[in-house]
């Protein structure tokens, strides 16, 4: 596992960066989906996948 740069583990840094994205964009949907794939074996995996689905349901074309 990578060494935390700022005291936070890599997954937490990625989640924090995702939270700073504009919600409802396809960029945020893609980011959540990639995180869900990477975290599929972790306790956060199902929650991330559900968040990606919810974000995709609310995303409009061209955003």
N, C-alpha and C. Protein backbone atom coordinates (compact mmCIF):
# COMPACT_ATOMS: atom_id res chain seq x y z
N UNK A 1 0.85 -1.17 0.00
CA UNK A 1 0.00 0.00 0.00
C UNK A 1 0.90 1.24 0.00
N UNK A 2 0.45 2.28 -0.67
CA UNK A 2 1.24 3.51 -0.79
C UNK A 2 1.34 4.21 0.56
N UNK A 3 2.43 4.92 0.73
CA UNK A 3 2.65 5.68 1.95
C UNK A 3 1.82 6.95 1.90
N UNK A 4 1.04 7.23 2.95
CA UNK A 4 0.26 8.47 2.97
C UNK A 4 1.16 9.69 2.87
N UNK A 5 0.80 10.62 2.00
CA UNK A 5 1.59 11.83 1.79
C UNK A 5 1.27 12.85 2.86
N UNK A 6 0.02 13.00 3.18
CA UNK A 6 -0.41 14.02 4.13
C UNK A 6 -1.10 13.41 5.35
N UNK A 7 -0.82 12.17 5.62
CA UNK A 7 -1.43 11.51 6.78
C UNK A 7 -2.71 10.77 6.45
N UNK A 8 -3.27 11.02 5.27
CA UNK A 8 -4.50 10.32 4.87
C UNK A 8 -4.13 9.19 3.93
N UNK A 9 -4.82 8.05 4.03
CA UNK A 9 -4.57 6.97 3.08
C UNK A 9 -5.01 7.38 1.67
N UNK A 10 -4.46 6.73 0.64
CA UNK A 10 -4.79 7.10 -0.74
C UNK A 10 -6.29 7.11 -1.05
N UNK A 11 -7.03 6.11 -0.55
CA UNK A 11 -8.46 6.08 -0.83
C UNK A 11 -9.16 7.30 -0.25
N UNK A 12 -8.78 7.70 0.95
CA UNK A 12 -9.41 8.88 1.56
C UNK A 12 -9.09 10.14 0.77
N UNK A 13 -7.84 10.26 0.29
CA UNK A 13 -7.49 11.43 -0.53
C UNK A 13 -8.32 11.44 -1.81
N UNK A 14 -8.51 10.27 -2.43
CA UNK A 14 -9.32 10.19 -3.66
C UNK A 14 -10.77 10.55 -3.38
N UNK A 15 -11.31 10.07 -2.27
CA UNK A 15 -12.69 10.40 -1.90
C UNK A 15 -12.85 11.90 -1.65
N UNK A 16 -11.89 12.50 -0.97
CA UNK A 16 -11.94 13.94 -0.72
C UNK A 16 -11.89 14.73 -2.02
N UNK A 17 -11.04 14.29 -2.95
CA UNK A 17 -10.94 14.97 -4.25
C UNK A 17 -12.25 14.83 -5.03
N UNK A 18 -12.87 13.66 -4.95
CA UNK A 18 -14.15 13.43 -5.63
C UNK A 18 -15.24 14.31 -5.04
N UNK A 19 -15.24 14.46 -3.74
CA UNK A 19 -16.24 15.30 -3.08
C UNK A 19 -16.14 16.75 -3.51
N UNK A 20 -14.95 17.18 -3.92
CA UNK A 20 -14.75 18.57 -4.34
C UNK A 20 -15.20 18.80 -5.79
N UNK A 21 -15.52 17.73 -6.53
CA UNK A 21 -15.96 17.87 -7.92
C UNK A 21 -17.39 18.39 -7.97
N UNK A 22 -17.72 18.99 -9.10
CA UNK A 22 -19.07 19.47 -9.31
C UNK A 22 -20.00 18.26 -9.42
N UNK A 23 -21.01 18.16 -8.53
CA UNK A 23 -21.91 17.01 -8.59
C UNK A 23 -22.77 17.04 -9.86
N UNK A 24 -23.15 15.87 -10.31
CA UNK A 24 -24.04 15.76 -11.46
C UNK A 24 -23.34 15.80 -12.81
N UNK A 25 -22.02 15.84 -12.81
CA UNK A 25 -21.30 15.83 -14.08
C UNK A 25 -20.86 14.40 -14.39
N UNK A 26 -20.64 14.15 -15.65
CA UNK A 26 -20.18 12.81 -16.03
C UNK A 26 -18.76 12.56 -15.53
N UNK A 27 -18.00 13.63 -15.32
CA UNK A 27 -16.66 13.48 -14.75
C UNK A 27 -16.76 12.91 -13.33
N UNK A 28 -17.71 13.41 -12.55
CA UNK A 28 -17.87 12.89 -11.19
C UNK A 28 -18.41 11.46 -11.22
N UNK A 29 -19.28 11.14 -12.17
CA UNK A 29 -19.80 9.78 -12.30
C UNK A 29 -18.65 8.82 -12.63
N UNK A 30 -17.83 9.21 -13.59
CA UNK A 30 -16.70 8.37 -13.99
C UNK A 30 -15.73 8.16 -12.83
N UNK A 31 -15.45 9.23 -12.10
CA UNK A 31 -14.53 9.13 -10.97
C UNK A 31 -15.07 8.20 -9.90
N UNK A 32 -16.35 8.34 -9.57
CA UNK A 32 -16.96 7.45 -8.58
C UNK A 32 -16.94 6.00 -9.05
N UNK A 33 -17.19 5.78 -10.34
CA UNK A 33 -17.19 4.42 -10.88
C UNK A 33 -15.80 3.80 -10.80
N UNK A 34 -14.78 4.56 -11.14
CA UNK A 34 -13.41 4.04 -11.07
C UNK A 34 -13.03 3.74 -9.63
N UNK A 35 -13.40 4.63 -8.71
CA UNK A 35 -13.13 4.37 -7.30
C UNK A 35 -13.86 3.12 -6.82
N UNK A 36 -15.09 2.93 -7.26
CA UNK A 36 -15.87 1.74 -6.88
C UNK A 36 -15.19 0.47 -7.38
N UNK A 37 -14.67 0.52 -8.60
CA UNK A 37 -13.97 -0.64 -9.15
C UNK A 37 -12.71 -0.94 -8.34
N UNK A 38 -11.96 0.10 -8.04
CA UNK A 38 -10.72 -0.07 -7.28
C UNK A 38 -10.98 -0.55 -5.85
N UNK A 39 -12.11 -0.12 -5.28
CA UNK A 39 -12.42 -0.44 -3.87
C UNK A 39 -13.42 -1.58 -3.73
N UNK A 40 -13.60 -2.36 -4.79
CA UNK A 40 -14.66 -3.38 -4.78
C UNK A 40 -14.52 -4.39 -3.64
N UNK A 41 -13.30 -4.64 -3.19
CA UNK A 41 -13.09 -5.60 -2.11
C UNK A 41 -13.02 -4.95 -0.73
N UNK A 42 -13.20 -3.64 -0.69
CA UNK A 42 -13.16 -2.91 0.57
C UNK A 42 -14.57 -2.62 1.06
N UNK A 43 -14.73 -2.32 2.33
CA UNK A 43 -16.07 -2.02 2.85
C UNK A 43 -16.76 -0.84 2.15
N UNK A 44 -15.98 0.11 1.62
CA UNK A 44 -16.56 1.27 0.93
C UNK A 44 -17.01 0.97 -0.49
N UNK A 45 -16.63 -0.17 -1.05
CA UNK A 45 -16.93 -0.50 -2.44
C UNK A 45 -18.41 -0.41 -2.81
N UNK A 46 -19.30 -1.11 -2.10
CA UNK A 46 -20.72 -1.04 -2.45
C UNK A 46 -21.31 0.37 -2.34
N UNK A 47 -20.87 1.13 -1.35
CA UNK A 47 -21.36 2.50 -1.19
C UNK A 47 -20.91 3.37 -2.36
N UNK A 48 -19.66 3.20 -2.79
CA UNK A 48 -19.16 3.97 -3.92
C UNK A 48 -19.90 3.60 -5.21
N UNK A 49 -20.17 2.32 -5.39
CA UNK A 49 -20.91 1.89 -6.58
C UNK A 49 -22.32 2.47 -6.57
N UNK A 50 -22.97 2.45 -5.43
CA UNK A 50 -24.31 3.03 -5.32
C UNK A 50 -24.27 4.53 -5.59
N UNK A 51 -23.24 5.21 -5.11
CA UNK A 51 -23.10 6.64 -5.37
C UNK A 51 -22.90 6.92 -6.86
N UNK A 52 -22.13 6.08 -7.52
CA UNK A 52 -21.92 6.24 -8.97
C UNK A 52 -23.23 6.06 -9.72
N UNK A 53 -24.01 5.06 -9.33
CA UNK A 53 -25.31 4.83 -9.97
C UNK A 53 -26.24 6.02 -9.76
N UNK A 54 -26.30 6.52 -8.54
CA UNK A 54 -27.15 7.65 -8.23
C UNK A 54 -26.72 8.89 -9.01
N UNK A 55 -25.41 9.13 -9.07
CA UNK A 55 -24.90 10.27 -9.81
C UNK A 55 -25.20 10.15 -11.30
N UNK A 56 -25.07 8.93 -11.84
CA UNK A 56 -25.36 8.71 -13.26
C UNK A 56 -26.85 8.93 -13.56
N UNK A 57 -27.70 8.51 -12.65
CA UNK A 57 -29.14 8.72 -12.85
C UNK A 57 -29.49 10.20 -12.93
N UNK A 58 -28.75 11.03 -12.20
CA UNK A 58 -29.05 12.46 -12.17
C UNK A 58 -28.28 13.30 -13.17
N UNK A 59 -27.31 12.69 -13.87
CA UNK A 59 -26.49 13.45 -14.81
C UNK A 59 -27.25 13.71 -16.11
N UNK A 60 -27.08 14.89 -16.61
CA UNK A 60 -27.74 15.25 -17.86
C UNK A 60 -26.74 15.12 -19.02
N UNK A 61 -27.23 14.88 -20.23
CA UNK A 61 -26.33 14.79 -21.38
C UNK A 61 -25.52 16.08 -21.55
N UNK A 62 -24.25 15.91 -21.84
CA UNK A 62 -23.40 17.06 -22.10
C UNK A 62 -22.83 17.72 -20.87
N UNK A 63 -23.05 17.15 -19.69
CA UNK A 63 -22.48 17.79 -18.48
C UNK A 63 -21.20 17.13 -18.09
